[in-house]
Protein backbone atom coordinates (compact mmCIF):
# COMPACT_ATOMS: atom_id res chain seq x y z
CA MET A 1 -8.89 21.97 25.40
CA LYS A 2 -5.13 21.68 26.73
CA LEU A 3 -3.23 18.64 26.16
CA LYS A 4 -2.99 17.85 29.79
CA GLU A 5 -6.88 18.39 30.37
CA SER A 6 -7.29 16.12 27.53
CA ILE A 7 -5.51 12.87 28.55
CA VAL A 8 -7.75 10.53 30.31
CA LEU A 9 -5.70 7.64 31.59
CA GLY A 10 -6.87 4.19 31.11
CA LEU A 11 -6.12 0.52 31.28
CA VAL A 12 -5.82 -0.49 27.64
CA VAL A 13 -3.62 -3.24 26.04
CA ILE A 14 -3.31 -2.44 22.44
CA SER A 15 -2.27 -5.71 19.92
CA ALA A 16 1.14 -6.62 19.58
CA ALA A 17 1.41 -5.51 15.50
CA ALA A 18 0.56 -1.84 16.97
CA CYS A 19 3.07 -1.97 19.84
CA GLY A 20 5.27 -4.75 19.88
CA VAL A 21 8.83 -3.75 20.12
CA ARG A 22 9.16 -7.15 21.97
CA MET A 23 8.17 -8.92 18.87
CA LEU A 24 11.02 -7.49 16.60
CA PRO A 25 13.22 -10.04 14.72
CA SER A 26 16.26 -9.31 16.02
CA HIS A 27 18.22 -12.08 14.36
CA ASP A 28 17.51 -10.36 11.19
CA GLU A 29 19.14 -6.79 11.45
CA TRP A 30 17.91 -5.47 8.43
CA TYR A 31 14.36 -7.14 8.63
CA ALA A 32 14.23 -5.59 12.42
CA MET A 33 15.37 -2.15 11.10
CA HIS A 34 12.34 -1.81 8.69
CA PHE A 35 9.64 -3.98 10.52
CA PHE A 36 7.46 -1.08 11.55
CA ILE A 37 7.37 0.77 8.49
CA MET A 38 6.68 -2.58 6.61
CA GLN A 39 3.11 -3.08 5.48
CA ASP A 40 1.33 -6.63 6.30
CA PHE A 41 1.92 -8.18 3.06
CA GLU A 42 5.48 -7.09 2.49
CA ARG A 43 5.89 -9.03 6.02
CA GLU A 44 4.46 -11.88 4.90
CA ALA A 45 6.30 -12.06 1.62
CA TYR A 46 9.58 -11.38 3.35
CA LYS A 47 9.35 -14.48 5.86
CA GLY A 48 8.40 -16.66 3.01
CA LEU A 49 11.40 -16.20 0.79
CA THR A 50 14.61 -18.09 1.28
CA ALA A 51 17.78 -16.47 2.04
CA ASN A 52 18.78 -15.37 -1.23
CA GLY A 53 15.05 -13.85 -2.05
CA ARG A 54 15.34 -11.89 1.38
CA LEU A 55 18.40 -10.10 -0.13
CA GLU A 56 16.67 -9.39 -3.28
CA PHE A 57 13.96 -8.28 -1.16
CA GLN A 58 15.79 -5.76 0.64
CA LYS A 59 17.06 -4.27 -2.87
CA LEU A 60 13.56 -4.20 -4.40
CA PHE A 61 12.11 -2.79 -1.00
CA TRP A 62 14.07 0.67 -1.79
CA GLU A 63 14.25 0.53 -5.82
CA SER A 64 10.12 0.45 -5.32
CA ARG A 65 10.59 4.06 -3.14
CA SER A 66 11.88 7.20 -4.05
CA PRO A 67 15.30 7.74 -3.30
CA ALA A 68 14.09 11.11 -1.06
CA LEU A 69 12.36 8.46 1.35
CA LYS A 70 15.50 6.68 1.44
CA GLU A 71 17.21 9.19 2.43
CA GLU A 72 14.14 10.28 5.33
CA PHE A 73 14.57 6.95 6.71
CA ASP A 74 18.60 7.42 7.19
CA ARG A 75 17.97 11.09 8.84
CA ARG A 76 15.35 9.47 11.01
CA MET A 77 18.09 6.20 12.15
CA VAL A 78 20.84 8.92 12.68
CA PHE A 79 18.49 10.97 14.93
CA ILE A 80 17.38 7.33 16.61
CA GLY A 81 21.06 6.37 17.22
CA GLN A 82 21.77 9.74 18.77
CA ASN A 83 18.87 9.83 21.18
CA TYR A 84 17.71 6.59 22.00
CA LYS A 85 20.94 4.71 22.01
CA GLY A 86 21.01 4.71 25.97
CA GLU A 87 17.88 2.38 26.06
CA ASN A 88 19.21 -0.42 23.45
CA SER A 89 23.02 0.49 22.64
CA ALA A 90 22.82 -2.62 20.11
CA GLN A 91 19.68 -1.80 18.31
CA PRO A 92 18.56 1.88 19.12
CA TRP A 93 15.48 1.40 16.93
CA ASN A 94 14.60 -1.60 19.13
CA THR A 95 12.80 0.61 21.46
CA ASP A 96 9.24 2.06 21.97
CA ARG A 97 10.02 5.63 21.37
CA ALA A 98 12.11 4.92 18.38
CA ARG A 99 9.54 2.68 16.81
CA ILE A 100 7.05 5.65 16.55
CA TYR A 101 9.83 8.28 15.77
CA LEU A 102 10.71 6.09 12.58
CA LEU A 103 7.50 5.46 11.80
CA ASN A 104 5.35 8.81 12.40
CA GLY A 105 8.36 11.39 12.48
CA ARG A 106 8.83 14.30 14.69
CA PRO A 107 5.72 14.73 17.01
CA ALA A 108 4.13 18.33 16.93
CA GLY A 109 4.53 18.17 20.49
CA VAL A 110 5.94 16.76 23.70
CA GLU A 111 5.05 17.21 27.15
CA ASN A 112 6.57 15.41 30.32
CA LYS A 113 4.37 14.82 32.97
CA GLN A 114 4.57 13.45 36.65
CA ASN A 115 2.95 10.24 36.08
CA ASP A 116 0.80 10.14 39.41
CA THR A 117 -2.18 8.26 38.50
CA TRP A 118 -3.37 5.09 36.67
CA THR A 119 -1.50 3.47 33.66
CA SER A 120 -0.77 0.85 31.76
CA ILE A 121 2.29 -0.67 29.85
CA VAL A 122 1.41 -1.67 26.58
CA GLY A 123 2.24 -5.35 25.57
CA PRO A 124 1.45 -8.14 23.12
CA ALA A 125 -1.58 -9.41 23.70
CA GLY A 126 -2.12 -12.79 25.79
CA THR A 127 1.55 -12.04 27.50
CA GLY A 128 0.67 -10.73 30.60
CA ALA A 129 2.65 -7.22 29.94
CA ALA A 130 -0.09 -5.12 30.93
CA THR A 131 0.37 -3.56 34.59
CA SER A 132 -1.27 -0.84 36.59
CA SER A 133 -0.51 0.61 39.82
CA SER A 134 -1.58 3.49 41.88
CA ARG A 135 0.97 6.24 41.33
CA THR A 136 2.20 8.56 44.17
CA ASN A 137 5.08 11.33 43.90
CA GLU A 138 6.91 9.29 46.49
CA ASP A 139 7.22 6.20 43.92
CA ILE A 140 10.49 6.32 41.82
CA GLN A 141 8.83 4.19 39.31
CA ALA A 142 6.10 7.39 38.57
CA LYS A 143 9.27 9.78 37.64
CA THR A 144 7.84 10.83 34.27
CA LEU A 145 5.11 10.28 31.73
CA GLU A 146 6.28 11.64 28.08
CA VAL A 147 3.27 12.62 25.90
CA TRP A 148 3.74 12.85 22.20
CA SER A 149 1.00 14.50 20.01
CA TYR A 150 0.39 13.92 16.02
CA PRO A 151 -2.43 15.56 14.30
CA TYR A 152 -4.68 13.12 12.34
CA GLY A 153 -7.33 14.86 10.55
CA ARG A 154 -9.89 16.79 13.30
CA ASN A 155 -7.99 14.56 16.02
CA VAL A 156 -4.98 14.44 17.81
CA VAL A 157 -3.19 10.96 18.55
CA LEU A 158 -1.60 10.87 21.97
CA TYR A 159 1.28 8.46 22.34
CA GLY A 160 2.45 8.11 26.00
CA PHE A 161 5.66 6.58 27.22
CA GLU A 162 6.57 5.65 31.01
CA PHE A 163 9.96 5.97 32.13
CA GLN A 164 10.88 2.39 33.86
CA PRO A 165 14.24 2.65 35.84
CA PRO A 166 16.88 2.55 35.25
CA ASN A 167 16.83 3.76 31.41
CA LYS A 168 13.67 2.33 29.66
CA TRP A 169 10.73 4.17 28.60
CA ARG A 170 7.71 1.94 27.65
CA GLN A 171 4.61 2.57 25.35
CA ALA A 172 1.74 3.28 27.51
CA GLN A 173 -2.02 3.48 26.42
CA ILE A 174 -3.08 6.72 27.83
CA THR A 175 -6.35 7.59 26.19
CA ALA A 176 -9.75 5.46 26.90
CA GLY A 177 -10.44 4.58 23.35
CA GLY A 178 -7.15 5.89 21.61
CA GLY A 179 -5.96 2.92 20.26
CA ARG A 180 -8.28 3.59 17.54
CA TYR A 181 -6.97 7.00 16.07
CA LEU A 182 -3.46 5.24 17.12
CA GLN A 183 -3.66 2.49 14.63
CA GLU A 184 -5.08 4.31 11.90
CA LEU A 185 -2.44 6.64 11.97
CA GLU A 186 0.49 4.06 11.88
CA ARG A 187 -1.86 2.43 9.18
CA LYS A 188 -1.88 5.60 7.09
CA SER A 189 2.25 6.32 7.65
CA ARG A 190 2.90 2.89 6.73
CA ALA A 191 0.80 3.11 3.32
CA GLU A 192 1.34 6.64 2.50
CA VAL A 193 4.23 7.69 3.65
CA TRP A 194 6.43 4.73 3.41
CA GLY A 195 4.68 3.02 0.62
CA PRO A 196 6.02 2.32 -2.84
CA THR A 197 5.54 4.57 -5.67
CA ASP A 198 3.45 1.82 -7.81
CA GLU A 199 2.23 -0.66 -5.32
CA GLU A 200 0.75 -3.36 -8.08
CA ALA A 201 4.16 -3.44 -9.60
CA TYR A 202 5.95 -4.02 -6.50
CA LYS A 203 3.31 -6.72 -5.54
CA THR A 204 4.22 -8.30 -9.05
CA ARG A 205 7.92 -8.49 -8.16
CA LEU A 206 7.46 -9.53 -4.68
CA GLU A 207 5.73 -12.58 -6.15
CA GLU A 208 8.53 -13.31 -8.62
CA LEU A 209 11.05 -13.41 -5.59
CA LYS A 210 9.21 -16.58 -4.44
CA SER A 211 10.91 -18.50 -7.18
CA VAL A 212 14.56 -17.43 -6.08
CA LYS A 213 16.33 -20.43 -4.50
């Protein structure tokens, strides 16, 4: 089945944890840059540390991973800075497309479509961020829907990004029930792509950081 034939637009809002560029802790630049590749236990550990403890966490985070992984992170950040800065000049990684690129890497396919049907913007649950409208070719808000595809086992995970003038691209849930595999892919990326080399030893050292004053 062709990609354009397989896309069924749906009014679905996924959880803030899976979508939330708008929930990034922008006051802490290191945390903001690493937030989406961190696993839940890392985020919880980081939030409970003192200022000095957080500095030690930042060192430990990359010490517990291979140098090649840090190089890949830096490469993706360079790409993000070059391609998504127009949406957020201060923090290019704090955009929907940048978040997905950083977490999952380059998509296997990218398709640009005229968004002439129903869609919904993905936002944190309970915030009222989801919007829907009937699109026509005369609607400037319907300029473009960009669809990224990632293979996931026997499935294909689709990410949709809807253009919002003047320069924003916001993630939209485009497949009915598609959030299931999307969230599984993201969990896999965090654990298997970005995870520490020895998770148990890493967790032990994280516990030790709680005593840092």
